[in-house]
Amino acid sequence: MKRSILATLTLFVLVPLFSKAQDITQLVEKVKAKIELVKDYTASGKMKTNVSFLKVPVANVMIYFKKPNQLKIKNEKGISFIPKGAVSINLNNVLGSGAYTVLDAGNDKVANIAVKVVKLLPTDDNADIVLSTLYIDEARQVILKTRTTTRDNGSYELEMSYGKYVSFGLPDKIIFSFNTKDYKLPKGVTFDFDDGTAAKPEADKTKNRKGRAEITISAYEINKGLSDDVFKK
């Protein structure tokens, strides 16, 4: 009798947990399926870069993407200010492999929108991404925010808002935050420093500071076919 009661109690505990794990995994798969509708895109917009030690003007940018993980951001002067290795800006890098364990981390709000919080733990011990936390809008099945920790390229945070391209899981606005210690100026490029520390080495200027890039997209061209040559230039 005691064993029967114990087995029944175990079922009452484990069945809801199993069901909950299934639900959150299915949600991640729905988000992934929407993102995978996009084979490639070209997007135009404006980028505002806020790095405390640099004076960087607002710039027109073109963003190029091709599955599985080719991503290029080029401004009107031909210079990208997104830190090299910042894979979190490309959601295909986070969800594309499918080689991860999905954990339900509860509920939260992003910009007053209720979200499910999901943690993804890669099953590959050698994967560049160590941990990703996703804040998912269940109703629209899109990611509003991610926090990604990488093995070699620091930690990054991405916030997204959506409009007319929501059916493809493509945001109208992207806010990308990063640690400036992981930020390097493009080779041969210099800018005015604005924090009064011009005499200090660059390594000191960038230490333990936050950087932010805000990209507002005006239009996408989706699944038009994009040559690999675009990413070699």
Protein backbone atom coordinates (compact mmCIF):
# COMPACT_ATOMS: atom_id res chain seq x y z
CA MET A 1 0.00 0.00 0.00
CA LYS A 2 2.81 2.42 0.94
CA ARG A 3 4.55 1.74 -2.37
CA SER A 4 1.33 2.39 -4.25
CA ILE A 5 0.82 5.70 -2.48
CA LEU A 6 4.46 6.69 -3.11
CA ALA A 7 4.16 5.82 -6.79
CA THR A 8 0.97 7.88 -7.10
CA LEU A 9 2.56 10.88 -5.39
CA THR A 10 5.60 10.58 -7.67
CA LEU A 11 3.33 10.68 -10.72
CA PHE A 12 1.56 13.77 -9.40
CA VAL A 13 4.96 15.51 -9.13
CA LEU A 14 6.63 14.26 -12.29
CA VAL A 15 3.79 14.49 -14.81
CA PRO A 16 3.29 18.28 -14.44
CA LEU A 17 7.06 18.80 -14.64
CA PHE A 18 7.30 16.68 -17.78
CA SER A 19 4.36 18.51 -19.33
CA LYS A 20 5.93 21.86 -18.50
CA ALA A 21 9.24 20.81 -20.08
CA GLN A 22 7.39 19.72 -23.22
CA ASP A 23 5.52 23.03 -23.42
CA ILE A 24 8.66 25.17 -23.18
CA THR A 25 10.50 22.99 -25.72
CA GLN A 26 7.58 23.29 -28.13
CA LEU A 27 7.62 27.08 -27.71
CA VAL A 28 11.32 27.23 -28.58
CA GLU A 29 10.69 25.03 -31.63
CA LYS A 30 7.92 27.36 -32.83
CA VAL A 31 10.22 30.37 -32.49
CA LYS A 32 12.97 28.47 -34.31
CA ALA A 33 10.59 27.49 -37.14
CA LYS A 34 9.68 31.14 -37.70
CA ILE A 35 13.32 32.21 -37.81
CA GLU A 36 14.12 29.40 -40.25
CA LEU A 37 11.64 30.83 -42.77
CA VAL A 38 14.37 33.34 -43.60
CA LYS A 39 17.07 31.92 -45.87
CA ASP A 40 18.72 35.29 -46.47
CA TYR A 41 17.98 38.99 -46.24
CA THR A 42 19.32 42.42 -47.00
CA ALA A 43 18.18 45.18 -44.64
CA SER A 44 18.69 48.93 -44.69
CA GLY A 45 18.53 51.21 -41.69
CA LYS A 46 20.34 53.57 -39.35
CA MET A 47 22.77 52.72 -36.58
CA LYS A 48 23.51 54.81 -33.54
CA THR A 49 26.63 53.68 -31.71
CA ASN A 50 27.22 54.67 -28.10
CA VAL A 51 30.72 53.81 -26.96
CA SER A 52 31.77 56.10 -24.12
CA PHE A 53 35.32 56.75 -25.33
CA LEU A 54 34.41 57.39 -29.00
CA LYS A 55 32.53 60.05 -30.92
CA VAL A 56 30.66 58.06 -33.55
CA PRO A 57 27.99 59.73 -35.72
CA VAL A 58 24.67 58.13 -36.62
CA ALA A 59 25.25 56.16 -39.82
CA ASN A 60 23.22 54.56 -42.57
CA VAL A 61 23.83 50.80 -42.57
CA MET A 62 23.21 47.74 -44.69
CA ILE A 63 22.83 44.36 -42.99
CA TYR A 64 23.41 41.16 -44.92
CA PHE A 65 22.47 37.70 -43.67
CA LYS A 66 22.60 34.24 -45.20
CA LYS A 67 21.95 30.90 -43.51
CA PRO A 68 23.34 29.32 -41.57
CA ASN A 69 25.52 31.96 -39.91
CA GLN A 70 26.85 34.57 -42.35
CA LEU A 71 26.17 38.07 -41.06
CA LYS A 72 27.67 41.39 -42.13
CA ILE A 73 26.85 44.93 -41.02
CA LYS A 74 28.30 47.70 -43.15
CA ASN A 75 27.80 51.40 -42.61
CA GLU A 76 27.97 54.14 -45.23
CA LYS A 77 31.70 54.56 -44.58
CA GLY A 78 32.31 50.85 -44.93
CA ILE A 79 33.04 50.31 -41.24
CA SER A 80 31.21 48.02 -38.86
CA PHE A 81 31.15 48.84 -35.15
CA ILE A 82 29.73 45.54 -33.96
CA PRO A 83 32.42 43.65 -32.00
CA LYS A 84 33.91 40.76 -33.90
CA GLY A 85 32.60 37.49 -32.54
CA ALA A 86 29.32 38.98 -31.33
CA VAL A 87 27.36 35.94 -32.43
CA SER A 88 24.32 36.74 -30.33
CA ILE A 89 23.11 39.35 -32.82
CA ASN A 90 22.42 36.45 -35.18
CA LEU A 91 19.63 34.36 -33.63
CA ASN A 92 20.40 31.50 -36.01
CA ASN A 93 23.65 31.02 -34.10
CA VAL A 94 21.67 30.65 -30.89
CA LEU A 95 18.90 28.36 -32.16
CA GLY A 96 20.21 26.95 -35.42
CA SER A 97 22.10 23.88 -34.24
CA GLY A 98 19.38 22.51 -31.99
CA ALA A 99 22.16 20.97 -29.88
CA TYR A 100 21.04 22.35 -26.53
CA THR A 101 19.07 21.56 -23.41
CA VAL A 102 16.00 23.73 -22.85
CA LEU A 103 15.25 24.89 -19.31
CA ASP A 104 12.15 26.76 -18.15
CA ALA A 105 13.32 29.80 -16.14
CA GLY A 106 9.90 31.20 -15.33
CA ASN A 107 8.11 34.38 -16.38
CA ASP A 108 9.10 38.03 -16.69
CA LYS A 109 8.26 41.21 -18.58
CA VAL A 110 10.11 43.05 -21.35
CA ALA A 111 8.79 46.52 -22.21
CA ASN A 112 5.61 45.63 -20.27
CA ILE A 113 5.07 42.54 -22.41
CA ALA A 114 4.72 39.22 -20.58
CA VAL A 115 7.45 36.78 -21.63
CA LYS A 116 8.60 33.25 -20.93
CA VAL A 117 12.22 33.04 -19.82
CA VAL A 118 14.13 30.13 -21.33
CA LYS A 119 17.72 29.07 -20.79
CA LEU A 120 19.57 27.14 -23.47
CA LEU A 121 22.56 25.05 -22.42
CA PRO A 122 24.62 23.71 -25.35
CA THR A 123 25.23 19.97 -25.24
CA ASP A 124 28.56 20.42 -27.03
CA ASP A 125 31.25 21.15 -24.45
CA ASN A 126 33.31 22.91 -27.13
CA ALA A 127 30.54 25.19 -28.42
CA ASP A 128 31.38 28.90 -28.56
CA ILE A 129 28.11 29.78 -26.83
CA VAL A 130 28.18 28.79 -23.16
CA LEU A 131 24.70 29.94 -22.15
CA SER A 132 21.80 31.78 -23.79
CA THR A 133 18.81 33.23 -21.96
CA LEU A 134 15.80 34.00 -24.16
CA TYR A 135 12.81 36.18 -23.28
CA ILE A 136 10.03 34.95 -25.55
CA ASP A 137 6.74 36.64 -26.40
CA GLU A 138 4.45 33.58 -26.49
CA ALA A 139 1.61 35.29 -28.34
CA ARG A 140 3.75 36.33 -31.33
CA GLN A 141 6.35 33.57 -30.94
CA VAL A 142 9.30 35.94 -31.17
CA ILE A 143 12.29 36.67 -28.98
CA LEU A 144 12.21 40.12 -27.35
CA LYS A 145 15.53 39.84 -25.55
CA THR A 146 18.55 37.57 -25.34
CA ARG A 147 21.54 37.37 -23.07
CA THR A 148 24.38 35.29 -24.46
CA THR A 149 27.66 34.28 -22.86
CA THR A 150 30.36 33.04 -25.20
CA ARG A 151 33.53 31.13 -24.46
CA ASP A 152 35.99 33.52 -26.10
CA ASN A 153 34.12 36.70 -27.04
CA GLY A 154 32.49 37.97 -23.89
CA SER A 155 28.82 38.44 -23.06
CA TYR A 156 26.22 40.28 -25.11
CA GLU A 157 22.63 41.42 -24.73
CA LEU A 158 20.14 41.93 -27.52
CA GLU A 159 16.74 43.63 -27.33
CA MET A 160 14.30 43.58 -30.24
CA SER A 161 10.99 45.18 -31.15
CA TYR A 162 8.79 44.05 -34.03
CA GLY A 163 6.45 45.49 -36.61
CA LYS A 164 5.52 44.50 -40.15
CA TYR A 165 8.16 41.75 -40.43
CA VAL A 166 7.08 39.90 -37.27
CA SER A 167 5.78 36.93 -39.32
CA PHE A 168 9.42 36.24 -40.29
CA GLY A 169 10.72 36.85 -36.78
CA LEU A 170 12.66 39.89 -38.04
CA PRO A 171 12.80 42.97 -35.79
CA ASP A 172 12.28 46.59 -36.78
CA LYS A 173 14.64 47.72 -34.05
CA ILE A 174 17.66 46.07 -32.46
CA ILE A 175 19.54 47.28 -29.39
CA PHE A 176 22.84 45.50 -28.94
CA SER A 177 24.81 45.89 -25.67
CA PHE A 178 28.35 44.65 -25.09
CA ASN A 179 31.43 45.10 -22.94
CA THR A 180 33.90 47.48 -24.56
CA LYS A 181 36.82 45.32 -23.43
CA ASP A 182 35.66 42.94 -26.20
CA TYR A 183 35.45 45.82 -28.68
CA LYS A 184 38.20 46.55 -31.19
CA LEU A 185 38.39 49.37 -33.68
CA PRO A 186 38.63 48.27 -37.31
CA LYS A 187 42.24 48.12 -38.40
CA GLY A 188 43.60 51.49 -39.52
CA VAL A 189 40.60 53.44 -38.20
CA THR A 190 40.84 56.14 -35.52
CA PHE A 191 38.27 58.45 -33.90
CA ASP A 192 38.28 61.30 -31.44
CA PHE A 193 38.15 60.25 -27.81
CA ASP A 194 35.70 62.21 -25.69
CA ASP A 195 36.38 61.23 -22.08
CA GLY A 196 39.54 63.19 -21.38
CA THR A 197 41.77 60.13 -21.33
CA ALA A 198 43.47 60.49 -24.70
CA ALA A 199 46.88 60.01 -23.13
CA LYS A 200 45.97 56.58 -21.80
CA PRO A 201 46.51 53.37 -23.73
CA GLU A 202 43.48 52.05 -25.62
CA ALA A 203 43.32 48.99 -23.36
CA ASP A 204 42.74 51.25 -20.32
CA LYS A 205 40.06 53.27 -22.09
CA THR A 206 38.00 50.22 -22.97
CA LYS A 207 38.30 48.38 -19.67
CA ASN A 208 35.05 47.50 -17.88
CA ARG A 209 32.81 49.81 -19.91
CA LYS A 210 29.55 49.25 -21.69
CA GLY A 211 28.91 49.82 -25.37
CA ARG A 212 25.60 49.99 -27.17
CA ALA A 213 24.54 49.88 -30.81
CA GLU A 214 20.97 50.76 -31.77
CA ILE A 215 19.84 49.74 -35.25
CA THR A 216 16.50 50.90 -36.68
CA ILE A 217 15.51 48.96 -39.78
CA SER A 218 13.58 50.77 -42.53
CA ALA A 219 13.16 47.82 -44.95
CA TYR A 220 14.06 44.17 -45.54
CA GLU A 221 14.49 42.22 -48.75
CA ILE A 222 13.82 38.64 -47.72
CA ASN A 223 14.75 35.41 -49.51
CA LYS A 224 15.84 37.14 -52.71
CA GLY A 225 19.04 35.11 -52.96
CA LEU A 226 22.34 36.47 -51.68
CA SER A 227 25.78 35.61 -53.03
CA ASP A 228 28.53 34.45 -50.69
CA ASP A 229 30.71 37.12 -52.32
CA VAL A 230 28.87 39.78 -50.31
CA PHE A 231 30.50 38.48 -47.14
CA LYS A 232 34.01 38.39 -48.62
CA LYS A 233 34.23 42.09 -49.43
